[in-house]
Amino acid sequence: MIILTQDLIADDVFIPNMRSRPKEVETQPTVSWHELTMPSPPLPNNTDLIELTINRVESPFRYFIDSKHLLVSDDAVVRYTLVIESRSGSRNLSYEGIRCTPQGQYKVFAYGVNDQFIALNEATWQPISDSSSERYRSELWQFYFCTKSEFKPRQKSDILRLLKAESR
């Protein structure tokens, strides 16, 4: 039997499959948020890629984050280039963002096509899923990009340090 003390609950509000949020989350005032428009970065160089280790998932893919163009913007969105590589070496590239909300949100801003990013004009913010095919977003949100109790992005240097520590 596991007993969670109030200190542990308050310190870690990213409890998987939690049906109700802790009271301190429920009572936070709603803050007006405005998304900034940002240009897509250039396509990544292989030397700038950090491999993302995905826990609890057996996947035929490898996931990489472009360390050079990772951005924590003024609208509190962590913007990043994701490279998904198959076992055969083929790659898919996307430019995405994650918001550090209590349930987590993501948005795909652009896809890499023919040596450039092509913007998605009608992209919308979506809830982060814990499904195996999108597990990387959940991991980025919970363990790398966001602080656990404040629902705000970490500093870029902290994100990169965490990503590099895991990729060793």
Protein backbone atom coordinates (compact mmCIF):
# COMPACT_ATOMS: atom_id res chain seq x y z
CA MET A 1 0.00 0.00 0.00
CA ILE A 2 1.34 3.43 -0.97
CA ILE A 3 0.55 6.41 1.21
CA LEU A 4 1.08 9.84 -0.32
CA THR A 5 1.71 12.63 2.11
CA GLN A 6 0.40 16.12 1.38
CA ASP A 7 4.02 17.22 0.75
CA LEU A 8 4.45 14.63 -2.00
CA ILE A 9 1.12 15.44 -3.63
CA ALA A 10 1.82 19.17 -3.67
CA ASP A 11 5.33 18.59 -5.03
CA ASP A 12 4.25 16.31 -7.89
CA VAL A 13 0.94 17.23 -9.48
CA PHE A 14 1.76 15.32 -12.69
CA ILE A 15 0.12 12.16 -11.43
CA PRO A 16 -0.68 9.91 -14.42
CA ASN A 17 -4.36 9.24 -15.09
CA MET A 18 -5.40 11.47 -12.23
CA ARG A 19 -9.18 11.87 -12.17
CA SER A 20 -9.29 15.08 -10.14
CA ARG A 21 -6.74 17.81 -9.73
CA PRO A 22 -5.36 18.87 -6.34
CA LYS A 23 -7.17 21.83 -4.75
CA GLU A 24 -4.25 24.20 -5.28
CA VAL A 25 -4.55 23.59 -9.04
CA GLU A 26 -8.33 24.00 -9.07
CA THR A 27 -8.21 27.32 -7.28
CA GLN A 28 -5.57 29.01 -9.44
CA PRO A 29 -7.02 32.09 -11.14
CA THR A 30 -7.50 31.92 -14.90
CA VAL A 31 -4.85 33.95 -16.66
CA SER A 32 -5.43 35.40 -20.10
CA TRP A 33 -2.94 33.92 -22.57
CA HIS A 34 -1.94 35.12 -26.02
CA GLU A 35 0.10 33.00 -28.43
CA LEU A 36 2.99 34.66 -30.22
CA THR A 37 3.63 34.09 -33.91
CA MET A 38 7.14 32.74 -34.42
CA PRO A 39 8.94 31.78 -37.63
CA SER A 40 9.95 28.17 -38.14
CA PRO A 41 13.62 27.46 -37.51
CA PRO A 42 15.94 26.06 -40.16
CA LEU A 43 16.07 22.28 -40.50
CA PRO A 44 18.39 20.76 -37.88
CA ASN A 45 21.96 19.60 -38.32
CA ASN A 46 22.67 16.05 -37.15
CA THR A 47 25.34 17.39 -34.76
CA ASP A 48 22.68 19.40 -32.89
CA LEU A 49 20.31 16.47 -32.27
CA ILE A 50 19.81 15.03 -28.79
CA GLU A 51 18.15 11.61 -28.63
CA LEU A 52 15.10 11.43 -26.41
CA THR A 53 14.76 8.32 -24.28
CA ILE A 54 11.11 7.27 -24.04
CA ASN A 55 10.19 5.31 -20.91
CA ARG A 56 7.77 2.38 -20.92
CA VAL A 57 7.45 2.23 -24.70
CA GLU A 58 8.88 -0.30 -27.12
CA SER A 59 9.02 1.69 -30.32
CA PRO A 60 10.32 1.09 -33.84
CA PHE A 61 11.33 4.77 -33.87
CA ARG A 62 14.04 6.94 -32.40
CA TYR A 63 13.20 10.49 -31.31
CA PHE A 64 15.53 13.50 -31.43
CA ILE A 65 15.24 17.14 -30.36
CA ASP A 66 17.20 19.91 -32.10
CA SER A 67 19.21 21.46 -29.25
CA LYS A 68 20.28 24.51 -31.23
CA HIS A 69 16.78 25.79 -32.03
CA LEU A 70 14.91 24.82 -28.86
CA LEU A 71 13.10 27.97 -27.71
CA VAL A 72 11.27 28.95 -24.54
CA SER A 73 9.33 31.91 -25.88
CA ASP A 74 7.78 34.88 -24.09
CA ASP A 75 4.31 33.30 -24.37
CA ALA A 76 5.54 30.39 -22.19
CA VAL A 77 5.53 27.88 -25.04
CA VAL A 78 8.46 25.51 -25.46
CA ARG A 79 9.05 25.33 -29.22
CA TYR A 80 11.20 22.55 -30.62
CA THR A 81 12.09 20.63 -33.75
CA LEU A 82 11.37 16.92 -33.48
CA VAL A 83 13.04 14.32 -35.67
CA ILE A 84 11.47 10.87 -35.72
CA GLU A 85 13.68 8.24 -37.32
CA SER A 86 12.59 4.73 -38.35
CA ARG A 87 14.83 1.66 -38.12
CA SER A 88 15.46 1.97 -41.87
CA GLY A 89 16.78 5.51 -41.38
CA SER A 90 13.88 7.46 -42.92
CA ARG A 91 12.97 10.62 -41.03
CA ASN A 92 9.94 12.78 -40.30
CA LEU A 93 10.47 16.31 -39.05
CA SER A 94 8.03 18.57 -37.26
CA TYR A 95 8.21 21.92 -35.54
CA GLU A 96 6.02 21.75 -32.43
CA GLY A 97 5.20 23.55 -29.22
CA ILE A 98 4.18 22.41 -25.74
CA ARG A 99 2.31 24.50 -23.19
CA CYS A 100 2.90 23.73 -19.52
CA THR A 101 -0.75 23.68 -18.52
CA PRO A 102 -2.01 21.27 -15.83
CA GLN A 103 -3.12 18.74 -18.46
CA GLY A 104 -0.51 19.72 -21.07
CA GLN A 105 -1.16 20.93 -24.62
CA TYR A 106 0.76 20.63 -27.87
CA LYS A 107 0.59 22.14 -31.31
CA VAL A 108 2.32 21.16 -34.55
CA PHE A 109 3.33 24.40 -36.27
CA ALA A 110 5.02 22.92 -39.36
CA TYR A 111 6.31 19.75 -41.02
CA GLY A 112 9.67 19.32 -42.71
CA VAL A 113 9.20 18.79 -46.45
CA ASN A 114 11.86 19.01 -49.19
CA ASP A 115 14.55 20.70 -47.08
CA GLN A 116 12.22 23.27 -45.49
CA PHE A 117 9.40 23.59 -42.98
CA ILE A 118 5.88 24.01 -44.37
CA ALA A 119 3.62 25.83 -41.89
CA LEU A 120 0.21 24.45 -40.95
CA ASN A 121 -2.25 27.32 -41.20
CA GLU A 122 -5.13 25.74 -39.31
CA ALA A 123 -3.16 24.09 -36.49
CA THR A 124 -4.81 24.17 -33.05
CA TRP A 125 -3.72 23.33 -29.52
CA GLN A 126 -4.50 19.72 -28.59
CA PRO A 127 -4.40 17.84 -25.28
CA ILE A 128 -1.30 15.74 -24.72
CA SER A 129 -2.09 12.05 -24.97
CA ASP A 130 -0.37 9.25 -23.08
CA SER A 131 -0.85 6.84 -26.00
CA SER A 132 2.24 4.96 -27.14
CA SER A 133 2.39 6.73 -30.51
CA GLU A 134 2.53 10.15 -28.83
CA ARG A 135 4.33 9.15 -25.66
CA TYR A 136 7.26 11.43 -26.52
CA ARG A 137 5.08 14.54 -26.01
CA SER A 138 3.91 13.35 -22.63
CA GLU A 139 7.50 12.66 -21.58
CA LEU A 140 8.68 16.07 -22.82
CA TRP A 141 5.84 17.79 -20.95
CA GLN A 142 6.24 15.86 -17.68
CA PHE A 143 9.99 15.35 -17.35
CA TYR A 144 11.87 17.85 -19.48
CA PHE A 145 10.02 21.02 -20.48
CA CYS A 146 7.77 21.93 -17.54
CA THR A 147 8.18 22.49 -13.82
CA LYS A 148 5.98 20.09 -11.93
CA SER A 149 4.17 22.37 -9.53
CA GLU A 150 4.20 25.78 -11.20
CA PHE A 151 2.96 24.84 -14.67
CA LYS A 152 5.56 26.96 -16.39
CA PRO A 153 8.45 26.12 -18.71
CA ARG A 154 11.90 25.41 -17.41
CA GLN A 155 14.77 27.55 -18.63
CA LYS A 156 16.32 26.41 -21.90
CA SER A 157 19.62 25.56 -20.19
CA ASP A 158 17.80 23.28 -17.71
CA ILE A 159 15.84 21.56 -20.49
CA LEU A 160 19.02 20.88 -22.47
CA ARG A 161 20.82 19.62 -19.36
CA LEU A 162 17.99 17.16 -18.63
CA LEU A 163 17.81 15.97 -22.25
CA LYS A 164 21.57 15.47 -22.48
CA ALA A 165 21.70 13.62 -19.15
CA GLU A 166 19.08 11.14 -20.34
CA SER A 167 20.65 10.57 -23.75
CA ARG A 168 23.93 9.20 -22.32
